[in-house]
PDB file of all heavy atoms in Angstrom:
ATOM      1  N   ILE A   1      18.283 -13.581  -4.503  1.00  0.00           N
ATOM      2  CA  ILE A   1      18.987 -14.176  -3.354  1.00  0.00           C
ATOM      3  C   ILE A   1      20.232 -14.871  -3.890  1.00  0.00           C
ATOM      4  O   ILE A   1      20.138 -15.733  -4.759  1.00  0.00           O
ATOM      5  CB  ILE A   1      18.091 -15.186  -2.611  1.00  0.00           C
ATOM      6  CG1 ILE A   1      16.848 -14.482  -2.054  1.00  0.00           C
ATOM      7  CG2 ILE A   1      18.872 -15.866  -1.474  1.00  0.00           C
ATOM      8  CD1 ILE A   1      15.822 -15.411  -1.427  1.00  0.00           C
ATOM      9  N   PRO A   2      21.425 -14.491  -3.404  1.00  0.00           N
ATOM     10  CA  PRO A   2      22.655 -15.101  -3.922  1.00  0.00           C
ATOM     11  C   PRO A   2      22.675 -16.620  -3.712  1.00  0.00           C
ATOM     12  O   PRO A   2      22.169 -17.123  -2.704  1.00  0.00           O
ATOM     13  CB  PRO A   2      23.763 -14.431  -3.097  1.00  0.00           C
ATOM     14  CG  PRO A   2      23.155 -13.167  -2.576  1.00  0.00           C
ATOM     15  CD  PRO A   2      21.705 -13.464  -2.387  1.00  0.00           C
ATOM     16  N   GLU A   3      23.260 -17.331  -4.671  1.00  0.00           N
ATOM     17  CA  GLU A   3      23.312 -18.805  -4.615  1.00  0.00           C
ATOM     18  C   GLU A   3      23.923 -19.294  -3.317  1.00  0.00           C
ATOM     19  O   GLU A   3      23.434 -20.234  -2.685  1.00  0.00           O
ATOM     20  CB  GLU A   3      24.118 -19.354  -5.800  1.00  0.00           C
ATOM     21  CG  GLU A   3      23.367 -19.461  -7.107  1.00  0.00           C
ATOM     22  CD  GLU A   3      22.140 -20.367  -7.038  1.00  0.00           C
ATOM     23  OE1 GLU A   3      22.207 -21.412  -6.364  1.00  0.00           O
ATOM     24  OE2 GLU A   3      21.126 -20.016  -7.647  1.00  0.00           O
ATOM     25  N   GLU A   4      25.029 -18.640  -2.901  1.00  0.00           N
ATOM     26  CA  GLU A   4      25.749 -19.116  -1.713  1.00  0.00           C
ATOM     27  C   GLU A   4      24.970 -18.881  -0.414  1.00  0.00           C
ATOM     28  O   GLU A   4      25.337 -19.406   0.655  1.00  0.00           O
ATOM     29  CB  GLU A   4      27.136 -18.449  -1.610  1.00  0.00           C
ATOM     30  CG  GLU A   4      27.133 -16.951  -1.412  1.00  0.00           C
ATOM     31  CD  GLU A   4      27.073 -16.161  -2.719  1.00  0.00           C
ATOM     32  OE1 GLU A   4      26.723 -16.760  -3.766  1.00  0.00           O
ATOM     33  OE2 GLU A   4      27.365 -14.956  -2.675  1.00  0.00           O
ATOM     34  N   THR A   5      23.889 -18.098  -0.491  1.00  0.00           N
ATOM     35  CA  THR A   5      23.093 -17.802   0.706  1.00  0.00           C
ATOM     36  C   THR A   5      21.814 -18.634   0.766  1.00  0.00           C
ATOM     37  O   THR A   5      21.176 -18.724   1.813  1.00  0.00           O
ATOM     38  CB  THR A   5      22.715 -16.293   0.724  1.00  0.00           C
ATOM     39  OG1 THR A   5      23.883 -15.514   0.449  1.00  0.00           O
ATOM     40  CG2 THR A   5      22.166 -15.840   2.065  1.00  0.00           C
ATOM     41  N   LYS A   6      21.457 -19.288  -0.338  1.00  0.00           N
ATOM     42  CA  LYS A   6      20.148 -19.950  -0.436  1.00  0.00           C
ATOM     43  C   LYS A   6      19.947 -21.049   0.604  1.00  0.00           C
ATOM     44  O   LYS A   6      18.868 -21.156   1.197  1.00  0.00           O
ATOM     45  CB  LYS A   6      19.944 -20.506  -1.849  1.00  0.00           C
ATOM     46  CG  LYS A   6      19.545 -19.427  -2.855  1.00  0.00           C
ATOM     47  CD  LYS A   6      19.225 -19.992  -4.219  1.00  0.00           C
ATOM     48  CE  LYS A   6      18.758 -18.873  -5.157  1.00  0.00           C
ATOM     49  NZ  LYS A   6      18.529 -19.362  -6.532  1.00  0.00           N
ATOM     50  N   ASN A   7      20.964 -21.866   0.867  1.00  0.00           N
ATOM     51  CA  ASN A   7      20.811 -22.944   1.852  1.00  0.00           C
ATOM     52  C   ASN A   7      20.541 -22.386   3.243  1.00  0.00           C
ATOM     53  O   ASN A   7      19.705 -22.895   3.997  1.00  0.00           O
ATOM     54  CB  ASN A   7      22.064 -23.836   1.879  1.00  0.00           C
ATOM     55  CG  ASN A   7      22.163 -24.722   0.646  1.00  0.00           C
ATOM     56  OD1 ASN A   7      21.155 -24.950  -0.025  1.00  0.00           O
ATOM     57  ND2 ASN A   7      23.349 -25.196   0.343  1.00  0.00           N
ATOM     58  N   LEU A   8      21.270 -21.321   3.587  1.00  0.00           N
ATOM     59  CA  LEU A   8      21.097 -20.674   4.889  1.00  0.00           C
ATOM     60  C   LEU A   8      19.699 -20.069   4.994  1.00  0.00           C
ATOM     61  O   LEU A   8      19.037 -20.176   6.037  1.00  0.00           O
ATOM     62  CB  LEU A   8      22.164 -19.592   5.058  1.00  0.00           C
ATOM     63  CG  LEU A   8      22.502 -19.129   6.476  1.00  0.00           C
ATOM     64  CD1 LEU A   8      23.026 -20.288   7.317  1.00  0.00           C
ATOM     65  CD2 LEU A   8      23.540 -18.014   6.423  1.00  0.00           C
ATOM     66  N   VAL A   9      19.259 -19.432   3.916  1.00  0.00           N
ATOM     67  CA  VAL A   9      17.918 -18.831   3.890  1.00  0.00           C
ATOM     68  C   VAL A   9      16.855 -19.914   4.084  1.00  0.00           C
ATOM     69  O   VAL A   9      15.928 -19.755   4.895  1.00  0.00           O
ATOM     70  CB  VAL A   9      17.680 -18.065   2.567  1.00  0.00           C
ATOM     71  CG1 VAL A   9      16.208 -17.655   2.425  1.00  0.00           C
ATOM     72  CG2 VAL A   9      18.575 -16.837   2.490  1.00  0.00           C
ATOM     73  N   ASN A  10      16.991 -21.030   3.366  1.00  0.00           N
ATOM     74  CA  ASN A  10      16.014 -22.119   3.483  1.00  0.00           C
ATOM     75  C   ASN A  10      15.977 -22.679   4.899  1.00  0.00           C
ATOM     76  O   ASN A  10      14.905 -22.947   5.453  1.00  0.00           O
ATOM     77  CB  ASN A  10      16.343 -23.244   2.490  1.00  0.00           C
ATOM     78  CG  ASN A  10      16.092 -22.821   1.052  1.00  0.00           C
ATOM     79  OD1 ASN A  10      15.280 -21.920   0.803  1.00  0.00           O
ATOM     80  ND2 ASN A  10      16.774 -23.445   0.104  1.00  0.00           N
ATOM     81  N   GLU A  11      17.167 -22.826   5.506  1.00  0.00           N
ATOM     82  CA  GLU A  11      17.251 -23.370   6.870  1.00  0.00           C
ATOM     83  C   GLU A  11      16.538 -22.458   7.868  1.00  0.00           C
ATOM     84  O   GLU A  11      15.700 -22.919   8.662  1.00  0.00           O
ATOM     85  CB  GLU A  11      18.732 -23.526   7.265  1.00  0.00           C
ATOM     86  CG  GLU A  11      18.940 -24.003   8.685  1.00  0.00           C
ATOM     87  CD  GLU A  11      20.392 -23.876   9.137  1.00  0.00           C
ATOM     88  OE1 GLU A  11      21.289 -23.736   8.275  1.00  0.00           O
ATOM     89  OE2 GLU A  11      20.628 -23.892  10.369  1.00  0.00           O
ATOM     90  N   TYR A  12      16.842 -21.153   7.822  1.00  0.00           N
ATOM     91  CA  TYR A  12      16.267 -20.234   8.801  1.00  0.00           C
ATOM     92  C   TYR A  12      14.803 -19.917   8.513  1.00  0.00           C
ATOM     93  O   TYR A  12      14.028 -19.662   9.446  1.00  0.00           O
ATOM     94  CB  TYR A  12      17.110 -18.951   8.895  1.00  0.00           C
ATOM     95  CG  TYR A  12      18.272 -19.120   9.834  1.00  0.00           C
ATOM     96  CD1 TYR A  12      19.487 -19.637   9.385  1.00  0.00           C
ATOM     97  CD2 TYR A  12      18.157 -18.811  11.186  1.00  0.00           C
ATOM     98  CE1 TYR A  12      20.553 -19.831  10.249  1.00  0.00           C
ATOM     99  CE2 TYR A  12      19.214 -18.997  12.058  1.00  0.00           C
ATOM    100  CZ  TYR A  12      20.412 -19.504  11.590  1.00  0.00           C
ATOM    101  OH  TYR A  12      21.459 -19.707  12.457  1.00  0.00           O
ATOM    102  N   ARG A  13      14.422 -19.957   7.232  1.00  0.00           N
ATOM    103  CA  ARG A  13      13.009 -19.716   6.911  1.00  0.00           C
ATOM    104  C   ARG A  13      12.149 -20.889   7.391  1.00  0.00           C
ATOM    105  O   ARG A  13      11.049 -20.692   7.910  1.00  0.00           O
ATOM    106  CB  ARG A  13      12.840 -19.498   5.413  1.00  0.00           C
ATOM    107  CG  ARG A  13      11.431 -19.033   5.057  1.00  0.00           C
ATOM    108  CD  ARG A  13      11.328 -18.442   3.672  1.00  0.00           C
ATOM    109  NE  ARG A  13      10.086 -17.696   3.557  1.00  0.00           N
ATOM    110  CZ  ARG A  13       8.927 -18.240   3.175  1.00  0.00           C
ATOM    111  NH1 ARG A  13       8.872 -19.524   2.850  1.00  0.00           N
ATOM    112  NH2 ARG A  13       7.828 -17.507   3.113  1.00  0.00           N
ATOM    113  N   THR A  14      12.677 -22.110   7.231  1.00  0.00           N
ATOM    114  CA  THR A  14      11.957 -23.295   7.715  1.00  0.00           C
ATOM    115  C   THR A  14      11.777 -23.232   9.228  1.00  0.00           C
ATOM    116  O   THR A  14      10.702 -23.497   9.757  1.00  0.00           O
ATOM    117  CB  THR A  14      12.716 -24.590   7.328  1.00  0.00           C
ATOM    118  OG1 THR A  14      12.849 -24.625   5.903  1.00  0.00           O
ATOM    119  CG2 THR A  14      11.966 -25.824   7.792  1.00  0.00           C
ATOM    120  N   LYS A  15      12.856 -22.837   9.941  1.00  0.00           N
ATOM    121  CA  LYS A  15      12.769 -22.691  11.403  1.00  0.00           C
ATOM    122  C   LYS A  15      11.718 -21.655  11.785  1.00  0.00           C
ATOM    123  O   LYS A  15      10.949 -21.843  12.737  1.00  0.00           O
ATOM    124  CB  LYS A  15      14.129 -22.251  11.964  1.00  0.00           C
ATOM    125  CG  LYS A  15      15.182 -23.335  12.033  1.00  0.00           C
ATOM    126  CD  LYS A  15      16.464 -22.748  12.622  1.00  0.00           C
ATOM    127  CE  LYS A  15      17.587 -23.779  12.634  1.00  0.00           C
ATOM    128  NZ  LYS A  15      18.861 -23.185  13.119  1.00  0.00           N
ATOM    129  N   LEU A  16      11.694 -20.548  11.034  1.00  0.00           N
ATOM    130  CA  LEU A  16      10.753 -19.462  11.318  1.00  0.00           C
ATOM    131  C   LEU A  16       9.313 -19.939  11.147  1.00  0.00           C
ATOM    132  O   LEU A  16       8.459 -19.707  12.004  1.00  0.00           O
ATOM    133  CB  LEU A  16      11.034 -18.273  10.391  1.00  0.00           C
ATOM    134  CG  LEU A  16      10.133 -17.047  10.538  1.00  0.00           C
ATOM    135  CD1 LEU A  16      10.331 -16.385  11.896  1.00  0.00           C
ATOM    136  CD2 LEU A  16      10.401 -16.039   9.426  1.00  0.00           C
ATOM    137  N   ILE A  17       9.042 -20.644  10.036  1.00  0.00           N
ATOM    138  CA  ILE A  17       7.679 -21.100   9.765  1.00  0.00           C
ATOM    139  C   ILE A  17       7.265 -22.186  10.754  1.00  0.00           C
ATOM    140  O   ILE A  17       6.123 -22.218  11.227  1.00  0.00           O
ATOM    141  CB  ILE A  17       7.557 -21.592   8.296  1.00  0.00           C
ATOM    142  CG1 ILE A  17       7.751 -20.400   7.352  1.00  0.00           C
ATOM    143  CG2 ILE A  17       6.201 -22.233   8.051  1.00  0.00           C
ATOM    144  CD1 ILE A  17       7.846 -20.767   5.891  1.00  0.00           C
ATOM    145  N   GLU A  18       8.206 -23.068  11.120  1.00  0.00           N
ATOM    146  CA  GLU A  18       7.910 -24.102  12.116  1.00  0.00           C
ATOM    147  C   GLU A  18       7.523 -23.464  13.451  1.00  0.00           C
ATOM    148  O   GLU A  18       6.542 -23.845  14.086  1.00  0.00           O
ATOM    149  CB  GLU A  18       9.133 -25.004  12.329  1.00  0.00           C
ATOM    150  CG  GLU A  18       9.294 -26.086  11.280  1.00  0.00           C
ATOM    151  CD  GLU A  18      10.553 -26.917  11.511  1.00  0.00           C
ATOM    152  OE1 GLU A  18      11.247 -26.686  12.516  1.00  0.00           O
ATOM    153  OE2 GLU A  18      10.829 -27.788  10.683  1.00  0.00           O
ATOM    154  N   GLY A  19       8.332 -22.484  13.868  1.00  0.00           N
ATOM    155  CA  GLY A  19       8.061 -21.799  15.135  1.00  0.00           C
ATOM    156  C   GLY A  19       6.741 -21.066  15.105  1.00  0.00           C
ATOM    157  O   GLY A  19       5.988 -21.052  16.081  1.00  0.00           O
ATOM    158  N   THR A  20       6.427 -20.456  13.949  1.00  0.00           N
ATOM    159  CA  THR A  20       5.163 -19.737  13.804  1.00  0.00           C
ATOM    160  C   THR A  20       3.987 -20.696  13.898  1.00  0.00           C
ATOM    161  O   THR A  20       2.986 -20.412  14.556  1.00  0.00           O
ATOM    162  CB  THR A  20       5.128 -19.005  12.445  1.00  0.00           C
ATOM    163  OG1 THR A  20       6.242 -18.121  12.356  1.00  0.00           O
ATOM    164  CG2 THR A  20       3.843 -18.218  12.277  1.00  0.00           C
ATOM    165  N   ALA A  21       4.122 -21.853  13.246  1.00  0.00           N
ATOM    166  CA  ALA A  21       3.036 -22.845  13.227  1.00  0.00           C
ATOM    167  C   ALA A  21       2.706 -23.338  14.632  1.00  0.00           C
ATOM    168  O   ALA A  21       1.542 -23.637  14.939  1.00  0.00           O
ATOM    169  CB  ALA A  21       3.426 -24.016  12.328  1.00  0.00           C
ATOM    170  N   GLU A  22       3.719 -23.392  15.491  1.00  0.00           N
ATOM    171  CA  GLU A  22       3.499 -23.877  16.857  1.00  0.00           C
ATOM    172  C   GLU A  22       2.659 -22.912  17.688  1.00  0.00           C
ATOM    173  O   GLU A  22       2.150 -23.272  18.751  1.00  0.00           O
ATOM    174  CB  GLU A  22       4.848 -24.116  17.549  1.00  0.00           C
ATOM    175  CG  GLU A  22       5.592 -25.325  16.992  1.00  0.00           C
ATOM    176  CD  GLU A  22       7.007 -25.434  17.538  1.00  0.00           C
ATOM    177  OE1 GLU A  22       7.362 -24.615  18.410  1.00  0.00           O
ATOM    178  OE2 GLU A  22       7.738 -26.332  17.102  1.00  0.00           O
ATOM    179  N   GLU A  23       2.510 -21.670  17.208  1.00  0.00           N
ATOM    180  CA  GLU A  23       1.744 -20.662  17.936  1.00  0.00           C
ATOM    181  C   GLU A  23       0.235 -20.856  17.807  1.00  0.00           C
ATOM    182  O   GLU A  23      -0.535 -20.291  18.562  1.00  0.00           O
ATOM    183  CB  GLU A  23       2.098 -19.264  17.414  1.00  0.00           C
ATOM    184  CG  GLU A  23       3.492 -18.795  17.730  1.00  0.00           C
ATOM    185  CD  GLU A  23       3.657 -18.398  19.185  1.00  0.00           C
ATOM    186  OE1 GLU A  23       2.755 -17.747  19.736  1.00  0.00           O
ATOM    187  OE2 GLU A  23       4.683 -18.761  19.775  1.00  0.00           O
ATOM    188  N   SER A  24      -0.174 -21.649  16.809  1.00  0.00           N
ATOM    189  CA  SER A  24      -1.610 -21.764  16.530  1.00  0.00           C
ATOM    190  C   SER A  24      -1.931 -23.157  16.008  1.00  0.00           C
ATOM    191  O   SER A  24      -1.229 -23.681  15.135  1.00  0.00           O
ATOM    192  CB  SER A  24      -2.004 -20.698  15.499  1.00  0.00           C
ATOM    193  OG  SER A  24      -3.124 -21.067  14.757  1.00  0.00           O
ATOM    194  N   ASP A  25      -3.010 -23.768  16.533  1.00  0.00           N
ATOM    195  CA  ASP A  25      -3.426 -25.097  16.071  1.00  0.00           C
ATOM    196  C   ASP A  25      -3.805 -25.065  14.595  1.00  0.00           C
ATOM    197  O   ASP A  25      -3.518 -26.001  13.843  1.00  0.00           O
ATOM    198  CB  ASP A  25      -4.622 -25.593  16.893  1.00  0.00           C
ATOM    199  CG  ASP A  25      -4.237 -25.901  18.336  1.00  0.00           C
ATOM    200  OD1 ASP A  25      -3.027 -26.105  18.580  1.00  0.00           O
ATOM    201  OD2 ASP A  25      -5.127 -25.915  19.205  1.00  0.00           O
ATOM    202  N   LEU A  26      -4.441 -23.956  14.194  1.00  0.00           N
ATOM    203  CA  LEU A  26      -4.861 -23.818  12.796  1.00  0.00           C
ATOM    204  C   LEU A  26      -3.646 -23.783  11.873  1.00  0.00           C
ATOM    205  O   LEU A  26      -3.614 -24.462  10.835  1.00  0.00           O
ATOM    206  CB  LEU A  26      -5.682 -22.535  12.634  1.00  0.00           C
ATOM    207  CG  LEU A  26      -6.280 -22.267  11.248  1.00  0.00           C
ATOM    208  CD1 LEU A  26      -7.327 -23.314  10.913  1.00  0.00           C
ATOM    209  CD2 LEU A  26      -6.885 -20.872  11.177  1.00  0.00           C
ATOM    210  N   LEU A  27      -2.620 -22.993  12.263  1.00  0.00           N
ATOM    211  CA  LEU A  27      -1.408 -22.906  11.449  1.00  0.00           C
ATOM    212  C   LEU A  27      -0.625 -24.214  11.477  1.00  0.00           C
ATOM    213  O   LEU A  27       0.004 -24.589  10.484  1.00  0.00           O
ATOM    214  CB  LEU A  27      -0.521 -21.755  11.922  1.00  0.00           C
ATOM    215  CG  LEU A  27      -1.029 -20.338  11.677  1.00  0.00           C
ATOM    216  CD1 LEU A  27       0.049 -19.324  12.024  1.00  0.00           C
ATOM    217  CD2 LEU A  27      -1.456 -20.136  10.230  1.00  0.00           C
ATOM    218  N   LEU A  28      -0.659 -24.897  12.602  1.00  0.00           N
ATOM    219  CA  LEU A  28       0.048 -26.175  12.708  1.00  0.00           C
ATOM    220  C   LEU A  28      -0.549 -27.186  11.730  1.00  0.00           C
ATOM    221  O   LEU A  28       0.184 -27.929  11.062  1.00  0.00           O
ATOM    222  CB  LEU A  28      -0.040 -26.706  14.142  1.00  0.00           C
ATOM    223  CG  LEU A  28       0.876 -27.884  14.484  1.00  0.00           C
ATOM    224  CD1 LEU A  28       2.340 -27.549  14.216  1.00  0.00           C
ATOM    225  CD2 LEU A  28       0.684 -28.307  15.931  1.00  0.00           C
ATOM    226  N   ALA A  29      -1.878 -27.173  11.609  1.00  0.00           N
ATOM    227  CA  ALA A  29      -2.547 -28.069  10.656  1.00  0.00           C
ATOM    228  C   ALA A  29      -2.151 -27.702   9.227  1.00  0.00           C
ATOM    229  O   ALA A  29      -1.877 -28.585   8.398  1.00  0.00           O
ATOM    230  CB  ALA A  29      -4.063 -27.970  10.837  1.00  0.00           C
ATOM    231  N   LYS A  30      -2.105 -26.388   8.943  1.00  0.00           N
ATOM    232  CA  LYS A  30      -1.687 -25.951   7.601  1.00  0.00           C
ATOM    233  C   LYS A  30      -0.243 -26.355   7.327  1.00  0.00           C
ATOM    234  O   LYS A  30       0.095 -26.781   6.222  1.00  0.00           O
ATOM    235  CB  LYS A  30      -1.815 -24.414   7.485  1.00  0.00           C
ATOM    236  CG  LYS A  30      -3.235 -23.922   7.366  1.00  0.00           C
ATOM    237  CD  LYS A  30      -3.301 -22.409   7.243  1.00  0.00           C
ATOM    238  CE  LYS A  30      -3.028 -21.948   5.831  1.00  0.00           C
ATOM    239  NZ  LYS A  30      -3.301 -20.511   5.643  1.00  0.00           N
ATOM    240  N   PHE A  31       0.609 -26.235   8.354  1.00  0.00           N
ATOM    241  CA  PHE A  31       2.025 -26.570   8.203  1.00  0.00           C
ATOM    242  C   PHE A  31       2.204 -28.060   7.911  1.00  0.00           C
ATOM    243  O   PHE A  31       3.034 -28.443   7.079  1.00  0.00           O
ATOM    244  CB  PHE A  31       2.789 -26.186   9.473  1.00  0.00           C
ATOM    245  CG  PHE A  31       4.257 -26.522   9.430  1.00  0.00           C
ATOM    246  CD1 PHE A  31       5.140 -25.739   8.691  1.00  0.00           C
ATOM    247  CD2 PHE A  31       4.761 -27.611  10.112  1.00  0.00           C
ATOM    248  CE1 PHE A  31       6.494 -26.038   8.639  1.00  0.00           C
ATOM    249  CE2 PHE A  31       6.113 -27.929  10.062  1.00  0.00           C
ATOM    250  CZ  PHE A  31       6.977 -27.134   9.333  1.00  0.00           C
ATOM    251  N   MET A  32       1.429 -28.890   8.596  1.00  0.00           N
ATOM    252  CA  MET A  32       1.544 -30.349   8.399  1.00  0.00           C
ATOM    253  C   MET A  32       1.122 -30.741   6.975  1.00  0.00           C
ATOM    254  O   MET A  32       1.694 -31.637   6.380  1.00  0.00           O
ATOM    255  CB  MET A  32       0.674 -31.099   9.413  1.00  0.00           C
ATOM    256  CG  MET A  32       1.052 -30.825  10.858  1.00  0.00           C
ATOM    257  SD  MET A  32       2.735 -31.270  11.281  1.00  0.00           S
ATOM    258  CE  MET A  32       2.601 -33.042  11.406  1.00  0.00           C
ATOM    259  N   ASN A  33       0.118 -30.042   6.445  1.00  0.00           N
ATOM    260  CA  ASN A  33      -0.380 -30.358   5.098  1.00  0.00           C
ATOM    261  C   ASN A  33       0.506 -29.743   4.016  1.00  0.00           C
ATOM    262  O   ASN A  33       0.858 -30.412   3.048  1.00  0.00           O
ATOM    263  CB  ASN A  33      -1.822 -29.871   4.925  1.00  0.00           C
ATOM    264  CG  ASN A  33      -2.786 -30.649   5.792  1.00  0.00           C
ATOM    265  OD1 ASN A  33      -2.601 -31.843   5.993  1.00  0.00           O
ATOM    266  ND2 ASN A  33      -3.787 -29.973   6.323  1.00  0.00           N
ATOM    267  N   ASP A  34       0.833 -28.461   4.201  1.00  0.00           N
ATOM    268  CA  ASP A  34       1.631 -27.763   3.187  1.00  0.00           C
ATOM    269  C   ASP A  34       2.264 -26.518   3.819  1.00  0.00           C
ATOM    270  O   ASP A  34       1.594 -25.495   3.974  1.00  0.00           O
ATOM    271  CB  ASP A  34       0.740 -27.351   2.003  1.00  0.00           C
ATOM    272  CG  ASP A  34       1.519 -26.584   0.938  1.00  0.00           C
ATOM    273  OD1 ASP A  34       2.765 -26.586   1.004  1.00  0.00           O
ATOM    274  OD2 ASP A  34       0.875 -25.968   0.064  1.00  0.00           O
ATOM    275  N   PRO A  35       3.561 -26.604   4.206  1.00  0.00           N
ATOM    276  CA  PRO A  35       4.225 -25.459   4.863  1.00  0.00           C
ATOM    277  C   PRO A  35       4.132 -24.166   4.060  1.00  0.00           C
ATOM    278  O   PRO A  35       4.075 -23.071   4.633  1.00  0.00           O
ATOM    279  CB  PRO A  35       5.674 -25.924   5.000  1.00  0.00           C
ATOM    280  CG  PRO A  35       5.614 -27.413   4.952  1.00  0.00           C
ATOM    281  CD  PRO A  35       4.453 -27.737   4.061  1.00  0.00           C
ATOM    282  N   ASP A  36       4.120 -24.270   2.721  1.00  0.00           N
ATOM    283  CA  ASP A  36       4.082 -23.075   1.887  1.00  0.00           C
ATOM    284  C   ASP A  36       2.721 -22.383   1.887  1.00  0.00           C
ATOM    285  O   ASP A  36       2.579 -21.282   1.347  1.00  0.00           O
ATOM    286  CB  ASP A  36       4.474 -23.422   0.447  1.00  0.00           C
ATOM    287  CG  ASP A  36       5.931 -23.854   0.346  1.00  0.00           C
ATOM    288  OD1 ASP A  36       6.733 -23.383   1.179  1.00  0.00           O
ATOM    289  OD2 ASP A  36       6.264 -24.669  -0.538  1.00  0.00           O
ATOM    290  N   SER A  37       1.708 -23.039   2.484  1.00  0.00           N
ATOM    291  CA  SER A  37       0.372 -22.439   2.487  1.00  0.00           C
ATOM    292  C   SER A  37       0.234 -21.365   3.576  1.00  0.00           C
ATOM    293  O   SER A  37      -0.743 -20.615   3.601  1.00  0.00           O
ATOM    294  CB  SER A  37      -0.703 -23.516   2.691  1.00  0.00           C
ATOM    295  OG  SER A  37      -0.590 -24.086   3.986  1.00  0.00           O
ATOM    296  N   ILE A  38       1.213 -21.267   4.485  1.00  0.00           N
ATOM    297  CA  ILE A  38       1.187 -20.224   5.509  1.00  0.00           C
ATOM    298  C   ILE A  38       1.687 -18.926   4.878  1.00  0.00           C
ATOM    299  O   ILE A  38       2.815 -18.863   4.386  1.00  0.00           O
ATOM    300  CB  ILE A  38       2.063 -20.611   6.721  1.00  0.00           C
ATOM    301  CG1 ILE A  38       1.537 -21.894   7.367  1.00  0.00           C
ATOM    302  CG2 ILE A  38       2.094 -19.484   7.748  1.00  0.00           C
ATOM    303  CD1 ILE A  38       2.375 -22.403   8.519  1.00  0.00           C
ATOM    304  N   ASP A  39       0.845 -17.901   4.873  1.00  0.00           N
ATOM    305  CA  ASP A  39       1.219 -16.666   4.172  1.00  0.00           C
ATOM    306  C   ASP A  39       1.919 -15.669   5.099  1.00  0.00           C
ATOM    307  O   ASP A  39       1.997 -15.863   6.317  1.00  0.00           O
ATOM    308  CB  ASP A  39       0.014 -16.030   3.467  1.00  0.00           C
ATOM    309  CG  ASP A  39      -1.064 -15.581   4.433  1.00  0.00           C
ATOM    310  OD1 ASP A  39      -0.736 -15.174   5.570  1.00  0.00           O
ATOM    311  OD2 ASP A  39      -2.251 -15.628   4.060  1.00  0.00           O
ATOM    312  N   GLU A  40       2.403 -14.587   4.501  1.00  0.00           N
ATOM    313  CA  GLU A  40       3.181 -13.568   5.223  1.00  0.00           C
ATOM    314  C   GLU A  40       2.413 -12.979   6.402  1.00  0.00           C
ATOM    315  O   GLU A  40       2.966 -12.831   7.500  1.00  0.00           O
ATOM    316  CB  GLU A  40       3.563 -12.419   4.280  1.00  0.00           C
ATOM    317  CG  GLU A  40       4.698 -12.714   3.351  1.00  0.00           C
ATOM    318  CD  GLU A  40       5.037 -11.493   2.497  1.00  0.00           C
ATOM    319  OE1 GLU A  40       5.155 -10.382   3.064  1.00  0.00           O
ATOM    320  OE2 GLU A  40       5.160 -11.651   1.277  1.00  0.00           O
ATOM    321  N   GLU A  41       1.137 -12.632   6.162  1.00  0.00           N
ATOM    322  CA  GLU A  41       0.357 -11.962   7.211  1.00  0.00           C
ATOM    323  C   GLU A  41       0.153 -12.864   8.422  1.00  0.00           C
ATOM    324  O   GLU A  41       0.137 -12.403   9.566  1.00  0.00           O
ATOM    325  CB  GLU A  41      -1.000 -11.498   6.649  1.00  0.00           C
ATOM    326  CG  GLU A  41      -0.889 -10.393   5.604  1.00  0.00           C
ATOM    327  CD  GLU A  41      -0.030  -9.219   6.069  1.00  0.00           C
ATOM    328  OE1 GLU A  41      -0.222  -8.747   7.201  1.00  0.00           O
ATOM    329  OE2 GLU A  41       0.849  -8.784   5.299  1.00  0.00           O
ATOM    330  N   GLU A  42       0.002 -14.178   8.171  1.00  0.00           N
ATOM    331  CA  GLU A  42      -0.157 -15.119   9.290  1.00  0.00           C
ATOM    332  C   GLU A  42       1.128 -15.225  10.102  1.00  0.00           C
ATOM    333  O   GLU A  42       1.101 -15.292  11.337  1.00  0.00           O
ATOM    334  CB  GLU A  42      -0.560 -16.502   8.749  1.00  0.00           C
ATOM    335  CG  GLU A  42      -1.988 -16.543   8.228  1.00  0.00           C
ATOM    336  CD  GLU A  42      -2.308 -17.860   7.523  1.00  0.00           C
ATOM    337  OE1 GLU A  42      -1.436 -18.376   6.787  1.00  0.00           O
ATOM    338  OE2 GLU A  42      -3.431 -18.355   7.708  1.00  0.00           O
TER     339      GLU A  42
END
């Protein structure tokens, strides 16, 4: 991932995971404890 794109990637990936977590109480709990614990398949 190019250096100049990393901040943008982090911003949009965080938004994506936040939005995903809101879809499920189980994922929301995982997100609150450790956002990185939500895997690709989830």
